[in-house]
PDB file of N, CA and C in Angstrom:
ATOM      1  N   MET A   1       0.839  -1.171   0.000  1.00  0.00           N
ATOM      2  CA  MET A   1       0.000   0.000   0.000  1.00  0.00           C
ATOM      3  C   MET A   1       0.883   1.232   0.000  1.00  0.00           C
ATOM      4  N   GLN A   2       0.517   2.167  -0.788  1.00  0.00           N
ATOM      5  CA  GLN A   2       1.228   3.433  -0.806  1.00  0.00           C
ATOM      6  C   GLN A   2       0.269   4.499  -0.295  1.00  0.00           C
ATOM      7  N   VAL A   3       0.765   5.340   0.590  1.00  0.00           N
ATOM      8  CA  VAL A   3      -0.045   6.398   1.188  1.00  0.00           C
ATOM      9  C   VAL A   3       0.657   7.730   0.954  1.00  0.00           C
ATOM     10  N   THR A   4      -0.100   8.718   0.563  1.00  0.00           N
ATOM     11  CA  THR A   4       0.444  10.059   0.385  1.00  0.00           C
ATOM     12  C   THR A   4      -0.093  10.933   1.509  1.00  0.00           C
ATOM     13  N   VAL A   5       0.817  11.629   2.161  1.00  0.00           N
ATOM     14  CA  VAL A   5       0.443  12.495   3.275  1.00  0.00           C
ATOM     15  C   VAL A   5       0.891  13.912   2.947  1.00  0.00           C
ATOM     16  N   GLU A   6      -0.020  14.845   3.073  1.00  0.00           N
ATOM     17  CA  GLU A   6       0.345  16.246   2.841  1.00  0.00           C
ATOM     18  C   GLU A   6       0.511  16.937   4.184  1.00  0.00           C
ATOM     19  N   ILE A   7       1.676  17.550   4.341  1.00  0.00           N
ATOM     20  CA  ILE A   7       1.990  18.285   5.556  1.00  0.00           C
ATOM     21  C   ILE A   7       2.210  19.734   5.159  1.00  0.00           C
ATOM     22  N   PRO A   8       1.472  20.656   5.750  1.00  0.00           N
ATOM     23  CA  PRO A   8       1.691  22.067   5.424  1.00  0.00           C
ATOM     24  C   PRO A   8       3.153  22.452   5.658  1.00  0.00           C
ATOM     25  N   ASP A   9       3.704  23.218   4.729  1.00  0.00           N
ATOM     26  CA  ASP A   9       5.120  23.579   4.795  1.00  0.00           C
ATOM     27  C   ASP A   9       5.518  24.185   6.129  1.00  0.00           C
ATOM     28  N   GLU A  10       4.650  24.980   6.723  1.00  0.00           N
ATOM     29  CA  GLU A  10       5.025  25.647   7.976  1.00  0.00           C
ATOM     30  C   GLU A  10       5.159  24.666   9.141  1.00  0.00           C
ATOM     31  N   PHE A  11       4.638  23.443   8.999  1.00  0.00           N
ATOM     32  CA  PHE A  11       4.747  22.442  10.057  1.00  0.00           C
ATOM     33  C   PHE A  11       5.677  21.281   9.711  1.00  0.00           C
ATOM     34  N   ALA A  12       6.060  21.180   8.474  1.00  0.00           N
ATOM     35  CA  ALA A  12       6.866  20.042   8.029  1.00  0.00           C
ATOM     36  C   ALA A  12       8.165  19.908   8.821  1.00  0.00           C
ATOM     37  N   GLY A  13       8.820  21.002   9.115  1.00  0.00           N
ATOM     38  CA  GLY A  13      10.076  20.968   9.861  1.00  0.00           C
ATOM     39  C   GLY A  13       9.915  20.454  11.280  1.00  0.00           C
ATOM     40  N   TYR A  14       8.735  20.608  11.855  1.00  0.00           N
ATOM     41  CA  TYR A  14       8.482  20.096  13.196  1.00  0.00           C
ATOM     42  C   TYR A  14       8.264  18.580  13.180  1.00  0.00           C
ATOM     43  N   ILE A  15       7.759  18.094  12.070  1.00  0.00           N
ATOM     44  CA  ILE A  15       7.424  16.677  11.966  1.00  0.00           C
ATOM     45  C   ILE A  15       8.576  15.877  11.373  1.00  0.00           C
ATOM     46  N   VAL A  16       9.211  16.429  10.355  1.00  0.00           N
ATOM     47  CA  VAL A  16      10.301  15.733   9.657  1.00  0.00           C
ATOM     48  C   VAL A  16      11.547  16.607   9.731  1.00  0.00           C
ATOM     49  N   PRO A  17      12.510  16.226  10.591  1.00  0.00           N
ATOM     50  CA  PRO A  17      13.732  17.027  10.709  1.00  0.00           C
ATOM     51  C   PRO A  17      14.487  17.107   9.382  1.00  0.00           C
ATOM     52  N   ALA A  18      15.162  18.222   9.177  1.00  0.00           N
ATOM     53  CA  ALA A  18      15.957  18.414   7.959  1.00  0.00           C
ATOM     54  C   ALA A  18      16.939  17.270   7.794  1.00  0.00           C
ATOM     55  N   GLY A  19      17.078  16.797   6.588  1.00  0.00           N
ATOM     56  CA  GLY A  19      18.000  15.712   6.289  1.00  0.00           C
ATOM     57  C   GLY A  19      17.412  14.327   6.473  1.00  0.00           C
ATOM     58  N   SER A  20      16.206  14.262   7.002  1.00  0.00           N
ATOM     59  CA  SER A  20      15.555  12.959   7.195  1.00  0.00           C
ATOM     60  C   SER A  20      14.815  12.553   5.931  1.00  0.00           C
ATOM     61  N   ASN A  21      14.625  11.259   5.793  1.00  0.00           N
ATOM     62  CA  ASN A  21      13.808  10.726   4.715  1.00  0.00           C
ATOM     63  C   ASN A  21      12.368  10.715   5.230  1.00  0.00           C
ATOM     64  N   PRO A  22      11.515  11.609   4.737  1.00  0.00           N
ATOM     65  CA  PRO A  22      10.161  11.720   5.292  1.00  0.00           C
ATOM     66  C   PRO A  22       9.372  10.417   5.238  1.00  0.00           C
ATOM     67  N   ALA A  23       9.444   9.704   4.134  1.00  0.00           N
ATOM     68  CA  ALA A  23       8.679   8.457   4.006  1.00  0.00           C
ATOM     69  C   ALA A  23       9.145   7.437   5.044  1.00  0.00           C
ATOM     70  N   ARG A  24      10.454   7.279   5.181  1.00  0.00           N
ATOM     71  CA  ARG A  24      10.986   6.300   6.139  1.00  0.00           C
ATOM     72  C   ARG A  24      10.658   6.707   7.569  1.00  0.00           C
ATOM     73  N   LEU A  25      10.804   7.985   7.877  1.00  0.00           N
ATOM     74  CA  LEU A  25      10.528   8.473   9.227  1.00  0.00           C
ATOM     75  C   LEU A  25       9.070   8.236   9.604  1.00  0.00           C
ATOM     76  N   LEU A  26       8.157   8.579   8.722  1.00  0.00           N
ATOM     77  CA  LEU A  26       6.741   8.379   9.016  1.00  0.00           C
ATOM     78  C   LEU A  26       6.394   6.900   9.103  1.00  0.00           C
ATOM     79  N   LEU A  27       7.034   6.067   8.277  1.00  0.00           N
ATOM     80  CA  LEU A  27       6.829   4.622   8.369  1.00  0.00           C
ATOM     81  C   LEU A  27       7.302   4.108   9.722  1.00  0.00           C
ATOM     82  N   GLU A  28       8.515   4.491  10.120  1.00  0.00           N
ATOM     83  CA  GLU A  28       9.054   4.029  11.401  1.00  0.00           C
ATOM     84  C   GLU A  28       8.198   4.505  12.569  1.00  0.00           C
ATOM     85  N   ASP A  29       7.767   5.760  12.534  1.00  0.00           N
ATOM     86  CA  ASP A  29       6.894   6.268  13.599  1.00  0.00           C
ATOM     87  C   ASP A  29       5.600   5.457  13.682  1.00  0.00           C
ATOM     88  N   SER A  30       5.028   5.143  12.538  1.00  0.00           N
ATOM     89  CA  SER A  30       3.771   4.384  12.507  1.00  0.00           C
ATOM     90  C   SER A  30       3.967   2.957  12.999  1.00  0.00           C
ATOM     91  N   VAL A  31       5.052   2.336  12.578  1.00  0.00           N
ATOM     92  CA  VAL A  31       5.344   0.962  12.987  1.00  0.00           C
ATOM     93  C   VAL A  31       5.599   0.910  14.495  1.00  0.00           C
ATOM     94  N   ALA A  32       6.360   1.859  15.012  1.00  0.00           N
ATOM     95  CA  ALA A  32       6.633   1.889  16.453  1.00  0.00           C
ATOM     96  C   ALA A  32       5.340   2.063  17.244  1.00  0.00           C
ATOM     97  N   ALA A  33       4.476   2.948  16.790  1.00  0.00           N
ATOM     98  CA  ALA A  33       3.196   3.159  17.483  1.00  0.00           C
ATOM     99  C   ALA A  33       2.332   1.900  17.432  1.00  0.00           C
ATOM    100  N   ALA A  34       2.294   1.238  16.297  1.00  0.00           N
ATOM    101  CA  ALA A  34       1.497   0.017  16.161  1.00  0.00           C
ATOM    102  C   ALA A  34       2.053  -1.092  17.054  1.00  0.00           C
ATOM    103  N   TYR A  35       3.374  -1.189  17.147  1.00  0.00           N
ATOM    104  CA  TYR A  35       3.978  -2.203  18.021  1.00  0.00           C
ATOM    105  C   TYR A  35       3.671  -1.878  19.485  1.00  0.00           C
ATOM    106  N   ARG A  36       3.816  -0.617  19.850  1.00  0.00           N
ATOM    107  CA  ARG A  36       3.550  -0.192  21.231  1.00  0.00           C
ATOM    108  C   ARG A  36       2.111  -0.532  21.624  1.00  0.00           C
ATOM    109  N   ASN A  37       1.196  -0.405  20.678  1.00  0.00           N
ATOM    110  CA  ASN A  37      -0.228  -0.676  20.928  1.00  0.00           C
ATOM    111  C   ASN A  37      -0.598  -2.132  20.663  1.00  0.00           C
ATOM    112  N   ARG A  38       0.416  -2.963  20.464  1.00  0.00           N
ATOM    113  CA  ARG A  38       0.258  -4.409  20.267  1.00  0.00           C
ATOM    114  C   ARG A  38      -0.558  -4.771  19.024  1.00  0.00           C
ATOM    115  N   ARG A  39      -0.469  -3.936  18.013  1.00  0.00           N
ATOM    116  CA  ARG A  39      -1.125  -4.249  16.737  1.00  0.00           C
ATOM    117  C   ARG A  39      -0.172  -4.974  15.798  1.00  0.00           C
ATOM    118  N   LEU A  40       1.128  -4.928  16.105  1.00  0.00           N
ATOM    119  CA  LEU A  40       2.138  -5.637  15.319  1.00  0.00           C
ATOM    120  C   LEU A  40       2.995  -6.479  16.247  1.00  0.00           C
ATOM    121  N   THR A  41       3.497  -7.571  15.727  1.00  0.00           N
ATOM    122  CA  THR A  41       4.457  -8.387  16.466  1.00  0.00           C
ATOM    123  C   THR A  41       5.873  -7.910  16.127  1.00  0.00           C
ATOM    124  N   MET A  42       6.839  -8.393  16.883  1.00  0.00           N
ATOM    125  CA  MET A  42       8.214  -8.023  16.594  1.00  0.00           C
ATOM    126  C   MET A  42       8.628  -8.544  15.215  1.00  0.00           C
ATOM    127  N   GLU A  43       8.160  -9.720  14.863  1.00  0.00           N
ATOM    128  CA  GLU A  43       8.481 -10.275  13.545  1.00  0.00           C
ATOM    129  C   GLU A  43       7.885  -9.410  12.438  1.00  0.00           C
ATOM    130  N   GLN A  44       6.690  -8.911  12.633  1.00  0.00           N
ATOM    131  CA  GLN A  44       6.090  -8.033  11.630  1.00  0.00           C
ATOM    132  C   GLN A  44       6.860  -6.727  11.511  1.00  0.00           C
ATOM    133  N   VAL A  45       7.316  -6.192  12.638  1.00  0.00           N
ATOM    134  CA  VAL A  45       8.145  -4.981  12.624  1.00  0.00           C
ATOM    135  C   VAL A  45       9.404  -5.246  11.804  1.00  0.00           C
ATOM    136  N   ARG A  46      10.028  -6.382  12.061  1.00  0.00           N
ATOM    137  CA  ARG A  46      11.251  -6.743  11.335  1.00  0.00           C
ATOM    138  C   ARG A  46      11.002  -6.784   9.833  1.00  0.00           C
ATOM    139  N   GLN A  47       9.923  -7.429   9.436  1.00  0.00           N
ATOM    140  CA  GLN A  47       9.624  -7.562   8.017  1.00  0.00           C
ATOM    141  C   GLN A  47       9.281  -6.225   7.369  1.00  0.00           C
ATOM    142  N   ILE A  48       8.440  -5.436   8.024  1.00  0.00           N
ATOM    143  CA  ILE A  48       8.012  -4.159   7.455  1.00  0.00           C
ATOM    144  C   ILE A  48       9.192  -3.226   7.239  1.00  0.00           C
ATOM    145  N   LEU A  49      10.099  -3.195   8.216  1.00  0.00           N
ATOM    146  CA  LEU A  49      11.225  -2.261   8.147  1.00  0.00           C
ATOM    147  C   LEU A  49      12.427  -2.841   7.406  1.00  0.00           C
ATOM    148  N   GLY A  50      12.330  -4.096   6.986  1.00  0.00           N
ATOM    149  CA  GLY A  50      13.389  -4.693   6.192  1.00  0.00           C
ATOM    150  C   GLY A  50      14.633  -5.068   6.961  1.00  0.00           C
ATOM    151  N   PHE A  51      14.488  -5.338   8.265  1.00  0.00           N
ATOM    152  CA  PHE A  51      15.626  -5.765   9.066  1.00  0.00           C
ATOM    153  C   PHE A  51      15.888  -7.248   8.806  1.00  0.00           C
ATOM    154  N   ALA A  52      17.150  -7.618   8.755  1.00  0.00           N
ATOM    155  CA  ALA A  52      17.513  -9.009   8.480  1.00  0.00           C
ATOM    156  C   ALA A  52      17.261  -9.916   9.678  1.00  0.00           C
ATOM    157  N   THR A  53      17.460  -9.381  10.883  1.00  0.00           N
ATOM    158  CA  THR A  53      17.318 -10.202  12.087  1.00  0.00           C
ATOM    159  C   THR A  53      16.546  -9.447  13.154  1.00  0.00           C
ATOM    160  N   ARG A  54      16.101 -10.197  14.145  1.00  0.00           N
ATOM    161  CA  ARG A  54      15.409  -9.589  15.277  1.00  0.00           C
ATOM    162  C   ARG A  54      16.349  -8.678  16.065  1.00  0.00           C
ATOM    163  N   MET A  55      17.628  -9.001  16.036  1.00  0.00           N
ATOM    164  CA  MET A  55      18.604  -8.196  16.769  1.00  0.00           C
ATOM    165  C   MET A  55      18.646  -6.759  16.260  1.00  0.00           C
ATOM    166  N   GLU A  56      18.209  -6.528  15.049  1.00  0.00           N
ATOM    167  CA  GLU A  56      18.143  -5.170  14.513  1.00  0.00           C
ATOM    168  C   GLU A  56      16.885  -4.442  14.980  1.00  0.00           C
ATOM    169  N   VAL A  57      15.889  -5.203  15.393  1.00  0.00           N
ATOM    170  CA  VAL A  57      14.631  -4.597  15.840  1.00  0.00           C
ATOM    171  C   VAL A  57      14.796  -3.965  17.216  1.00  0.00           C
ATOM    172  N   ASP A  58      15.541  -4.620  18.104  1.00  0.00           N
ATOM    173  CA  ASP A  58      15.679  -4.111  19.472  1.00  0.00           C
ATOM    174  C   ASP A  58      16.208  -2.680  19.534  1.00  0.00           C
ATOM    175  N   PRO A  59      17.315  -2.343  18.842  1.00  0.00           N
ATOM    176  CA  PRO A  59      17.775  -0.945  18.889  1.00  0.00           C
ATOM    177  C   PRO A  59      16.742   0.031  18.307  1.00  0.00           C
ATOM    178  N   PHE A  60      16.031  -0.412  17.279  1.00  0.00           N
ATOM    179  CA  PHE A  60      14.973   0.429  16.710  1.00  0.00           C
ATOM    180  C   PHE A  60      13.924   0.737  17.775  1.00  0.00           C
ATOM    181  N   LEU A  61      13.460  -0.292  18.482  1.00  0.00           N
ATOM    182  CA  LEU A  61      12.444  -0.089  19.513  1.00  0.00           C
ATOM    183  C   LEU A  61      12.978   0.774  20.653  1.00  0.00           C
ATOM    184  N   GLN A  62      14.242   0.603  20.988  1.00  0.00           N
ATOM    185  CA  GLN A  62      14.838   1.405  22.057  1.00  0.00           C
ATOM    186  C   GLN A  62      14.849   2.890  21.702  1.00  0.00           C
ATOM    187  N   ARG A  63      15.050   3.209  20.421  1.00  0.00           N
ATOM    188  CA  ARG A  63      15.018   4.619  20.005  1.00  0.00           C
ATOM    189  C   ARG A  63      13.649   5.236  20.289  1.00  0.00           C
ATOM    190  N   TYR A  64      12.624   4.406  20.306  1.00  0.00           N
ATOM    191  CA  TYR A  64      11.266   4.871  20.591  1.00  0.00           C
ATOM    192  C   TYR A  64      10.879   4.609  22.044  1.00  0.00           C
ATOM    193  N   GLU A  65      11.873   4.251  22.858  1.00  0.00           N
ATOM    194  CA  GLU A  65      11.683   3.960  24.280  1.00  0.00           C
ATOM    195  C   GLU A  65      10.627   2.883  24.500  1.00  0.00           C
ATOM    196  N   ILE A  66      10.714   1.830  23.671  1.00  0.00           N
ATOM    197  CA  ILE A  66       9.849   0.669  23.803  1.00  0.00           C
ATOM    198  C   ILE A  66      10.732  -0.474  24.264  1.00  0.00           C
ATOM    199  N   TYR A  67      10.454  -0.975  25.456  1.00  0.00           N
ATOM    200  CA  TYR A  67      11.268  -2.041  26.030  1.00  0.00           C
ATOM    201  C   TYR A  67      10.366  -3.228  26.333  1.00  0.00           C
ATOM    202  N   ASP A  68      10.759  -4.382  25.851  1.00  0.00           N
ATOM    203  CA  ASP A  68       9.998  -5.604  26.099  1.00  0.00           C
ATOM    204  C   ASP A  68      10.595  -6.331  27.297  1.00  0.00           C
ATOM    205  N   TYR A  69      10.461  -5.724  28.438  1.00  0.00           N
ATOM    206  CA  TYR A  69      10.982  -6.315  29.662  1.00  0.00           C
ATOM    207  C   TYR A  69       9.879  -6.207  30.700  1.00  0.00           C
ATOM    208  N   THR A  70       9.304  -7.347  31.043  1.00  0.00           N
ATOM    209  CA  THR A  70       8.147  -7.368  31.929  1.00  0.00           C
ATOM    210  C   THR A  70       8.560  -7.613  33.371  1.00  0.00           C
ATOM    211  N   VAL A  71       7.605  -7.493  34.261  1.00  0.00           N
ATOM    212  CA  VAL A  71       7.834  -7.803  35.666  1.00  0.00           C
ATOM    213  C   VAL A  71       8.205  -9.277  35.800  1.00  0.00           C
ATOM    214  N   GLN A  72       7.587 -10.128  35.009  1.00  0.00           N
ATOM    215  CA  GLN A  72       7.926 -11.552  35.031  1.00  0.00           C
ATOM    216  C   GLN A  72       9.369 -11.769  34.587  1.00  0.00           C
ATOM    217  N   ASP A  73       9.812 -11.032  33.568  1.00  0.00           N
ATOM    218  CA  ASP A  73      11.210 -11.129  33.140  1.00  0.00           C
ATOM    219  C   ASP A  73      12.146 -10.762  34.292  1.00  0.00           C
ATOM    220  N   LEU A  74      11.802  -9.709  35.018  1.00  0.00           N
ATOM    221  CA  LEU A  74      12.625  -9.280  36.148  1.00  0.00           C
ATOM    222  C   LEU A  74      12.669 -10.365  37.217  1.00  0.00           C
ATOM    223  N   ALA A  75      11.526 -10.945  37.537  1.00  0.00           N
ATOM    224  CA  ALA A  75      11.469 -12.001  38.551  1.00  0.00           C
ATOM    225  C   ALA A  75      12.335 -13.196  38.138  1.00  0.00           C
ATOM    226  N   GLU A  76      12.271 -13.562  36.872  1.00  0.00           N
ATOM    227  CA  GLU A  76      13.090 -14.670  36.379  1.00  0.00           C
ATOM    228  C   GLU A  76      14.576 -14.325  36.447  1.00  0.00           C
ATOM    229  N   ASP A  77      14.925 -13.096  36.125  1.00  0.00           N
ATOM    230  CA  ASP A  77      16.328 -12.678  36.202  1.00  0.00           C
ATOM    231  C   ASP A  77      16.824 -12.679  37.647  1.00  0.00           C
ATOM    232  N   ILE A  78      15.979 -12.266  38.567  1.00  0.00           N
ATOM    233  CA  ILE A  78      16.356 -12.279  39.988  1.00  0.00           C
ATOM    234  C   ILE A  78      16.557 -13.712  40.461  1.00  0.00           C
ATOM    235  N   ASP A  79      15.666 -14.615  40.055  1.00  0.00           N
ATOM    236  CA  ASP A  79      15.824 -16.031  40.416  1.00  0.00           C
ATOM    237  C   ASP A  79      17.123 -16.597  39.861  1.00  0.00           C
ATOM    238  N   THR A  80      17.422 -16.275  38.620  1.00  0.00           N
ATOM    239  CA  THR A  80      18.671 -16.741  38.003  1.00  0.00           C
ATOM    240  C   THR A  80      19.879 -16.196  38.755  1.00  0.00           C
ATOM    241  N   PHE A  81      19.832 -14.925  39.089  1.00  0.00           N
ATOM    242  CA  PHE A  81      20.928 -14.299  39.838  1.00  0.00           C
ATOM    243  C   PHE A  81      21.114 -14.991  41.185  1.00  0.00           C
ATOM    244  N   ASP A  82      20.007 -15.234  41.882  1.00  0.00           N
ATOM    245  CA  ASP A  82      20.092 -15.901  43.188  1.00  0.00           C
ATOM    246  C   ASP A  82      20.696 -17.295  43.061  1.00  0.00           C
ATOM    247  N   ARG A  83      20.275 -18.052  42.038  1.00  0.00           N
ATOM    248  CA  ARG A  83      20.829 -19.393  41.813  1.00  0.00           C
ATOM    249  C   ARG A  83      22.328 -19.327  41.551  1.00  0.00           C
ATOM    250  N   LEU A  84      22.748 -18.388  40.736  1.00  0.00           N
ATOM    251  CA  LEU A  84      24.169 -18.256  40.410  1.00  0.00           C
ATOM    252  C   LEU A  84      24.975 -17.830  41.635  1.00  0.00           C
ATOM    253  N   GLN A  85      24.418 -16.971  42.447  1.00  0.00           N
ATOM    254  CA  GLN A  85      25.116 -16.531  43.668  1.00  0.00           C
ATOM    255  C   GLN A  85      25.284 -17.714  44.616  1.00  0.00           C
ATOM    256  N   LYS A  86      24.240 -18.546  44.737  1.00  0.00           N
ATOM    257  CA  LYS A  86      24.329 -19.712  45.633  1.00  0.00           C
ATOM    258  C   LYS A  86      25.360 -20.710  45.106  1.00  0.00           C
ATOM    259  N   ARG A  87      25.381 -20.908  43.794  1.00  0.00           N
ATOM    260  CA  ARG A  87      26.336 -21.820  43.197  1.00  0.00           C
ATOM    261  C   ARG A  87      27.774 -21.318  43.415  1.00  0.00           C
ATOM    262  N   LYS A  88      27.950 -20.010  43.276  1.00  0.00           N
ATOM    263  CA  LYS A  88      29.275 -19.406  43.451  1.00  0.00           C
ATOM    264  C   LYS A  88      29.744 -19.515  44.907  1.00  0.00           C
ATOM    265  N   ALA A  89      28.808 -19.305  45.830  1.00  0.00           N
ATOM    266  CA  ALA A  89      29.142 -19.342  47.258  1.00  0.00           C
ATOM    267  C   ALA A  89      29.381 -20.785  47.748  1.00  0.00           C
ATOM    268  N   GLY A  90      28.722 -21.728  47.102  1.00  0.00           N
ATOM    269  CA  GLY A  90      28.784 -23.124  47.559  1.00  0.00           C
ATOM    270  C   GLY A  90      29.862 -23.855  46.935  1.00  0.00           C
TER     271      GLY A  90
END
């Protein structure tokens, strides 16, 4: 799908910084918003933006301050840390 968006010249600089590719910037902004709202999966983000691996998606999401780290992830990391500390001490 191709979409054409008209931005009044007096506002274009606020939306698309000088030197940026407007089409790519608006695509990335839209994809990040859709991912944040759980309308896209990480794999879909990867495909839409043309990233070769998931490892390229993480830095992209970080630029938009989107972190896939849940409370459950933290609890699991704490459990792992505790196990490793006990193994090291024992």
